[in-house]
């Protein structure tokens, strides 16, 4: 389903005190409503629940402890959604609140269920307002920031564009706050061209992301054949301009040779539970031949995982890819380096492939 995914950073949603930027959100909702009236399917991914909770509770600084972050989110989450709902409803646009966790994306059945729900909402001409469910996430099951959540949602829905709205105008050759002569990078067709630029981790006092995380989010979506734009959410007209393909901010071109939905889920959403080191021949066959990984090519196994878990595959310290392993860590250790007949003697019911090529994606 073709749609536009718009992600709003904390600095767009709230000011330094954690109060909602009513004028900014009102103008953004005007632009969203206009696109919606033109028949466009829109999804909003918003940060700012913790920031809003900070404002309500008069917290001077963003909390660091997990329980404080979760409590601040619990205070702010409903209040933040209410702002979107009231603004868009006043413009004739129905909304739905959707809270997702990393587990919803990392578990395949949950992933498909989330996609089905979002597709149905868009079919009903409802604008989903999505946020991470910060009140239940932990460090192990968190997206880290909503840039990655927005990228996952765009991939999930096969969006036409991911628009990341920030308080910066896009990607610059250096941090414009420290270097007034920094220049905007208007378009990125090759991510290697960004190497050497000072794309830092700086965040707002209220947020958890930064420009680097937005670039990584753009890299994720462009691998799925989805264009991405990083642009200012504080400048009127940014949303319709980006949606129309006009020059605004930094545009990342969709890449050819896109992965299947399953392999994109495997690469970006399924967490790895272990690491499998392979020899040079296996690494070459995986990279160049598109073959499966057999136990004979396995040199070492680290971590503890079960059959069906994802594992990183590496050679000589360099990543090769990631795949779904047909063996547990203990089983794979017992048969590493063995040819298929010997594997069958030890594990008669085991799969011939340690990682099948259909369940493997290159790094």
Protein backbone atom coordinates (compact mmCIF):
# COMPACT_ATOMS: atom_id res chain seq x y z
CA UNK A 1 0.00 0.00 0.00
CA UNK A 2 1.54 3.30 -1.10
CA UNK A 3 1.73 5.84 1.70
CA UNK A 4 3.79 8.63 3.19
CA UNK A 5 5.36 8.03 6.61
CA UNK A 6 6.12 11.26 8.49
CA UNK A 7 8.28 11.12 11.60
CA UNK A 8 8.30 14.07 14.00
CA UNK A 9 11.23 14.45 16.37
CA UNK A 10 10.91 15.61 19.97
CA UNK A 11 12.30 19.03 19.08
CA UNK A 12 9.41 19.50 16.62
CA UNK A 13 6.72 18.27 19.00
CA UNK A 14 7.81 20.06 22.19
CA UNK A 15 9.87 23.04 23.27
CA UNK A 16 12.71 23.02 25.79
CA UNK A 17 10.23 22.96 28.71
CA UNK A 18 8.36 19.97 27.34
CA UNK A 19 5.34 22.04 26.32
CA UNK A 20 3.69 21.11 23.03
CA UNK A 21 4.56 23.37 20.10
CA UNK A 22 0.91 24.01 19.29
CA UNK A 23 1.65 26.37 16.40
CA UNK A 24 4.08 23.94 14.75
CA UNK A 25 1.82 20.91 15.18
CA UNK A 26 -1.20 22.91 14.02
CA UNK A 27 0.58 23.87 10.80
CA UNK A 28 1.84 20.29 10.28
CA UNK A 29 -1.69 18.97 10.76
CA UNK A 30 -2.91 21.49 8.18
CA UNK A 31 -0.45 20.04 5.67
CA UNK A 32 -1.28 16.45 6.60
CA UNK A 33 -5.01 17.14 6.25
CA UNK A 34 -4.50 18.70 2.82
CA UNK A 35 -2.63 15.62 1.59
CA UNK A 36 -5.24 13.36 3.17
CA UNK A 37 -8.00 15.26 1.37
CA UNK A 38 -6.11 14.72 -1.88
CA UNK A 39 -6.34 10.97 -1.30
CA UNK A 40 -2.85 10.35 0.09
CA UNK A 41 -2.41 7.71 2.78
CA UNK A 42 -0.49 9.23 5.72
CA UNK A 43 1.15 7.64 8.75
CA UNK A 44 2.58 9.76 11.56
CA UNK A 45 5.36 8.43 13.79
CA UNK A 46 5.84 10.80 16.68
CA UNK A 47 8.38 11.27 19.40
CA UNK A 48 7.67 13.48 22.36
CA UNK A 49 5.77 11.34 24.89
CA UNK A 50 8.64 11.52 27.37
CA UNK A 51 9.14 15.21 26.63
CA UNK A 52 5.45 15.86 27.21
CA UNK A 53 5.59 13.94 30.47
CA UNK A 54 8.59 16.00 31.52
CA UNK A 55 6.60 19.15 30.91
CA UNK A 56 3.59 17.94 32.86
CA UNK A 57 5.77 16.85 35.79
CA UNK A 58 8.05 19.92 35.58
CA UNK A 59 11.18 17.77 35.28
CA UNK A 60 14.19 19.97 34.52
CA UNK A 61 16.19 17.31 32.64
CA UNK A 62 15.39 14.23 30.57
CA UNK A 63 15.51 11.22 32.95
CA UNK A 64 18.09 8.50 32.43
CA UNK A 65 16.82 5.70 34.65
CA UNK A 66 14.50 3.28 32.83
CA UNK A 67 11.70 3.52 35.41
CA UNK A 68 11.74 7.32 35.24
CA UNK A 69 11.70 7.30 31.43
CA UNK A 70 8.80 4.87 31.43
CA UNK A 71 6.90 6.87 34.04
CA UNK A 72 7.43 10.11 32.10
CA UNK A 73 6.18 8.39 28.96
CA UNK A 74 3.12 7.07 30.79
CA UNK A 75 2.28 10.62 31.88
CA UNK A 76 2.82 12.13 28.45
CA UNK A 77 1.71 9.46 25.99
CA UNK A 78 -2.06 9.93 26.14
CA UNK A 79 -1.80 13.70 26.40
CA UNK A 80 0.40 13.85 23.32
CA UNK A 81 -1.92 11.69 21.24
CA UNK A 82 -4.88 13.81 22.36
CA UNK A 83 -3.21 16.84 20.77
CA UNK A 84 -2.87 15.06 17.41
CA UNK A 85 -6.40 13.66 17.60
CA UNK A 86 -7.99 17.02 18.36
CA UNK A 87 -5.98 18.89 15.72
CA UNK A 88 -6.64 16.39 12.94
CA UNK A 89 -10.26 15.73 13.92
CA UNK A 90 -10.89 19.49 13.70
CA UNK A 91 -9.66 19.23 10.11
CA UNK A 92 -11.91 16.29 9.29
CA UNK A 93 -9.23 13.61 9.57
CA UNK A 94 -9.86 10.56 11.81
CA UNK A 95 -6.88 9.17 13.73
CA UNK A 96 -5.91 6.06 15.68
CA UNK A 97 -3.26 5.67 18.34
CA UNK A 98 -0.88 2.76 17.70
CA UNK A 99 1.82 1.82 20.22
CA UNK A 100 4.51 -0.57 19.03
CA UNK A 101 7.45 -2.28 20.68
CA UNK A 102 10.57 -3.76 19.13
CA UNK A 103 9.10 -7.19 19.88
CA UNK A 104 6.19 -6.38 17.57
CA UNK A 105 8.70 -6.08 14.74
CA UNK A 106 11.16 -8.80 15.75
CA UNK A 107 8.52 -11.55 16.08
CA UNK A 108 7.36 -12.42 12.58
CA UNK A 109 3.71 -13.12 13.48
CA UNK A 110 3.49 -9.85 15.44
CA UNK A 111 5.12 -8.08 12.48
CA UNK A 112 2.46 -9.40 10.10
CA UNK A 113 -0.32 -8.56 12.55
CA UNK A 114 0.96 -4.99 12.89
CA UNK A 115 1.07 -4.66 9.11
CA UNK A 116 -2.48 -5.96 8.78
CA UNK A 117 -3.78 -3.51 11.39
CA UNK A 118 -2.04 -0.52 9.83
CA UNK A 119 -3.19 -1.45 6.34
CA UNK A 120 -6.79 -1.71 7.53
CA UNK A 121 -6.58 1.72 9.20
CA UNK A 122 -5.27 3.24 5.97
CA UNK A 123 -7.98 1.46 4.02
CA UNK A 124 -10.51 3.12 6.36
CA UNK A 125 -8.84 6.48 5.61
CA UNK A 126 -7.62 6.79 9.20
CA UNK A 127 -4.25 8.40 10.00
CA UNK A 128 -2.33 6.15 12.44
CA UNK A 129 -0.35 8.10 15.03
CA UNK A 130 2.43 5.73 16.08
CA UNK A 131 4.84 5.85 18.97
CA UNK A 132 7.02 3.31 20.72
CA UNK A 133 5.37 1.90 23.81
CA UNK A 134 8.01 3.34 26.13
CA UNK A 135 6.10 2.30 29.24
CA UNK A 136 6.82 -1.39 28.60
CA UNK A 137 10.08 -1.45 26.65
CA UNK A 138 13.47 -2.31 28.08
CA UNK A 139 16.97 -1.72 26.75
CA UNK A 140 16.85 -5.15 25.10
CA UNK A 141 13.51 -4.60 23.33
CA UNK A 142 13.73 -0.93 22.42
CA UNK A 143 14.12 0.56 18.95
CA UNK A 144 16.60 3.00 20.55
CA UNK A 145 14.81 5.97 19.01
CA UNK A 146 11.84 6.64 16.78
CA UNK A 147 13.93 7.16 13.65
CA UNK A 148 14.38 3.39 13.49
CA UNK A 149 10.74 2.81 14.39
CA UNK A 150 9.68 5.09 11.52
CA UNK A 151 11.99 3.24 9.12
CA UNK A 152 10.52 -0.10 10.20
CA UNK A 153 6.98 1.21 9.70
CA UNK A 154 7.87 2.49 6.22
CA UNK A 155 9.35 -0.90 5.30
CA UNK A 156 6.43 -2.72 6.90
CA UNK A 157 3.93 -0.85 4.71
CA UNK A 158 6.02 -0.54 1.57
CA UNK A 159 5.73 3.24 1.77
CA UNK A 160 6.65 5.51 -1.12
CA UNK A 161 8.52 7.96 1.12
CA UNK A 162 9.86 8.33 4.65
CA UNK A 163 9.99 11.97 5.75
CA UNK A 164 12.07 12.61 8.88
CA UNK A 165 11.25 16.04 10.29
CA UNK A 166 13.84 17.61 12.56
CA UNK A 167 14.91 21.05 13.75
CA UNK A 168 17.79 20.96 11.22
CA UNK A 169 17.38 21.66 7.52
CA UNK A 170 18.82 18.30 6.50
CA UNK A 171 22.28 16.74 6.36
CA UNK A 172 25.14 19.24 6.31
CA UNK A 173 28.82 18.87 5.49
CA UNK A 174 29.46 19.69 9.18
CA UNK A 175 27.42 20.62 12.23
CA UNK A 176 25.97 24.03 11.22
CA UNK A 177 25.70 25.04 14.88
CA UNK A 178 29.47 24.82 15.23
CA UNK A 179 30.45 25.59 11.62
CA UNK A 180 28.49 28.50 10.05
CA UNK A 181 30.04 27.73 6.66
CA UNK A 182 28.62 24.18 6.61
CA UNK A 183 26.68 23.42 3.43
CA UNK A 184 23.47 21.45 3.01
CA UNK A 185 23.82 18.13 1.18
CA UNK A 186 20.73 18.26 -1.09
CA UNK A 187 20.80 14.68 -2.36
CA UNK A 188 22.46 11.39 -1.45
CA UNK A 189 22.67 8.61 -4.03
CA UNK A 190 25.59 6.78 -2.43
CA UNK A 191 26.00 6.53 1.34
CA UNK A 192 29.77 6.21 0.95
CA UNK A 193 29.72 9.86 -0.14
CA UNK A 194 28.81 10.78 3.45
CA UNK A 195 31.93 9.19 4.90
CA UNK A 196 34.16 11.79 6.48
CA UNK A 197 31.35 14.24 7.14
CA UNK A 198 30.71 15.29 10.73
CA UNK A 199 27.30 13.67 11.06
CA UNK A 200 27.24 13.53 14.81
CA UNK A 201 25.15 12.01 17.56
CA UNK A 202 24.02 15.37 18.97
CA UNK A 203 20.45 15.34 20.20
CA UNK A 204 18.04 17.85 21.60
CA UNK A 205 17.70 18.02 25.41
CA UNK A 206 14.40 16.17 25.06
CA UNK A 207 15.19 13.54 22.46
CA UNK A 208 17.20 10.33 22.07
CA UNK A 209 18.07 10.46 18.38
CA UNK A 210 20.45 12.53 16.29
CA UNK A 211 21.37 13.15 12.67
CA UNK A 212 23.36 9.93 12.43
CA UNK A 213 20.35 7.83 13.44
CA UNK A 214 18.28 9.59 10.76
CA UNK A 215 20.88 8.76 8.12
CA UNK A 216 20.86 5.12 9.25
CA UNK A 217 17.05 5.13 9.07
CA UNK A 218 17.30 6.49 5.52
CA UNK A 219 19.80 3.74 4.68
CA UNK A 220 17.34 1.15 5.97
CA UNK A 221 14.41 2.40 3.90
CA UNK A 222 16.33 3.02 0.69
CA UNK A 223 17.46 -0.64 0.83
CA UNK A 224 13.75 -1.44 0.61
CA UNK A 225 13.32 0.73 -2.48
CA UNK A 226 11.81 3.58 -0.45
CA UNK A 227 13.07 7.14 -0.81
CA UNK A 228 13.74 9.17 2.33
CA UNK A 229 13.98 12.87 3.10
CA UNK A 230 15.49 14.57 6.15
CA UNK A 231 14.19 18.12 6.42
CA UNK A 232 13.11 20.86 8.80
CA UNK A 233 9.75 20.47 10.47
CA UNK A 234 9.86 24.10 11.55
CA UNK A 235 9.54 25.45 7.99
CA UNK A 236 6.08 25.72 6.45
CA UNK A 237 5.54 23.77 3.24
CA UNK A 238 8.14 21.08 3.92
CA UNK A 239 5.65 18.20 3.94
CA UNK A 240 3.84 18.95 0.64
CA UNK A 241 7.15 19.78 -1.04
CA UNK A 242 8.73 16.49 0.03
CA UNK A 243 5.60 14.55 -0.94
CA UNK A 244 5.68 16.13 -4.40
CA UNK A 245 9.36 15.28 -4.90
CA UNK A 246 10.45 18.90 -4.84
CA UNK A 247 13.93 19.84 -3.59
CA UNK A 248 13.74 20.18 0.19
CA UNK A 249 16.19 19.12 2.88
CA UNK A 250 18.31 16.09 1.99
CA UNK A 251 16.73 13.46 -0.26
CA UNK A 252 18.01 9.88 -0.29
CA UNK A 253 17.27 8.03 -3.51
CA UNK A 254 15.67 4.59 -3.35
CA UNK A 255 18.16 1.88 -4.23
CA UNK A 256 17.73 -0.79 -6.88
CA UNK A 257 17.96 -4.49 -6.14
CA UNK A 258 15.63 -4.20 -3.18
CA UNK A 259 15.33 -7.06 -0.72
CA UNK A 260 12.13 -9.01 -0.16
CA UNK A 261 9.94 -8.00 2.77
CA UNK A 262 11.10 -11.08 4.67
CA UNK A 263 14.79 -10.35 4.18
CA UNK A 264 14.33 -6.72 5.18
CA UNK A 265 12.61 -7.89 8.35
CA UNK A 266 15.46 -10.31 8.97
CA UNK A 267 18.14 -7.70 8.34
CA UNK A 268 16.71 -4.83 10.35
CA UNK A 269 14.11 -6.15 12.80
CA UNK A 270 15.04 -9.67 13.85
CA UNK A 271 17.63 -9.49 16.68
CA UNK A 272 20.70 -11.71 16.44
CA UNK A 273 21.21 -14.18 19.27
CA UNK A 274 24.68 -15.39 18.38
CA UNK A 275 27.61 -15.28 15.97
CA UNK A 276 28.86 -17.89 13.53
CA UNK A 277 32.38 -17.63 12.14
CA UNK A 278 32.96 -19.21 8.74
CA UNK A 279 36.01 -20.05 6.64
CA UNK A 280 37.08 -18.16 3.52
CA UNK A 281 35.40 -20.60 1.14
CA UNK A 282 32.04 -20.38 2.89
CA UNK A 283 32.26 -16.58 3.07
CA UNK A 284 32.99 -16.39 -0.66
CA UNK A 285 30.16 -18.80 -1.50
CA UNK A 286 27.69 -16.81 0.60
CA UNK A 287 28.77 -13.45 -0.84
CA UNK A 288 29.27 -14.37 -4.47
CA UNK A 289 27.41 -17.60 -5.05
CA UNK A 290 24.21 -17.05 -3.13
CA UNK A 291 24.55 -20.50 -1.58
CA UNK A 292 23.43 -21.88 1.76
CA UNK A 293 25.81 -22.21 4.71
CA UNK A 294 26.71 -25.83 5.49
CA UNK A 295 28.22 -27.00 8.80
CA UNK A 296 31.49 -27.83 7.00
CA UNK A 297 32.11 -24.10 6.49
CA UNK A 298 31.61 -23.19 10.15
CA UNK A 299 34.79 -22.44 12.11
CA UNK A 300 33.43 -21.27 15.46
CA UNK A 301 30.17 -20.48 17.24
CA UNK A 302 29.64 -17.85 19.94
CA UNK A 303 26.60 -17.07 22.04
CA UNK A 304 23.68 -19.27 23.03
CA UNK A 305 20.77 -19.59 20.62
CA UNK A 306 18.10 -22.04 19.55
CA UNK A 307 17.16 -23.35 16.14
CA UNK A 308 15.09 -20.64 14.46
CA UNK A 309 17.01 -17.76 16.02
CA UNK A 310 18.89 -15.24 13.88
CA UNK A 311 22.69 -15.26 13.94
CA UNK A 312 25.35 -12.97 12.53
CA UNK A 313 27.72 -14.66 10.10
CA UNK A 314 31.29 -13.35 9.90
CA UNK A 315 34.70 -14.19 8.46
CA UNK A 316 38.07 -12.96 9.67
CA UNK A 317 36.48 -10.24 11.79
CA UNK A 318 34.29 -8.89 8.97
CA UNK A 319 30.51 -9.34 8.73
CA UNK A 320 29.19 -11.51 5.93
CA UNK A 321 25.48 -11.45 6.68
CA UNK A 322 22.70 -12.59 8.93
CA UNK A 323 20.47 -15.61 8.81
CA UNK A 324 18.03 -17.93 10.53
CA UNK A 325 19.99 -20.87 11.95
CA UNK A 326 18.59 -24.39 11.65
CA UNK A 327 20.70 -25.57 14.59
CA UNK A 328 20.99 -24.61 18.23
CA UNK A 329 24.36 -23.23 19.32
CA UNK A 330 25.25 -26.53 21.00
CA UNK A 331 24.28 -28.59 17.95
CA UNK A 332 26.23 -26.37 15.59
CA UNK A 333 29.33 -26.55 17.80
CA UNK A 334 29.14 -30.35 17.71
CA UNK A 335 29.08 -30.51 13.90
CA UNK A 336 31.15 -27.47 12.86
CA UNK A 337 33.67 -28.30 10.18
CA UNK A 338 32.03 -31.66 9.38
CA UNK A 339 30.85 -32.76 5.95
CA UNK A 340 27.22 -33.67 5.44
CA UNK A 341 27.57 -37.49 5.86
CA UNK A 342 29.30 -37.01 9.21
CA UNK A 343 26.66 -34.48 10.29
CA UNK A 344 23.90 -36.98 9.49
CA UNK A 345 25.60 -39.61 11.64
CA UNK A 346 25.67 -37.29 14.66
CA UNK A 347 22.31 -35.57 14.06
CA UNK A 348 20.19 -37.81 11.82
CA UNK A 349 17.17 -35.49 11.79
CA UNK A 350 19.09 -32.24 11.37
CA UNK A 351 18.80 -30.01 8.33
CA UNK A 352 21.57 -30.26 5.77
CA UNK A 353 22.02 -26.48 5.81
CA UNK A 354 23.09 -24.60 8.92
CA UNK A 355 21.56 -21.48 7.33
CA UNK A 356 19.47 -21.84 4.18
CA UNK A 357 20.07 -19.25 1.45
CA UNK A 358 16.38 -18.29 1.48
CA UNK A 359 16.76 -17.26 5.13
CA UNK A 360 20.03 -15.36 4.76
CA UNK A 361 20.74 -11.74 3.91
CA UNK A 362 24.12 -10.19 3.17
CA UNK A 363 25.50 -7.51 5.50
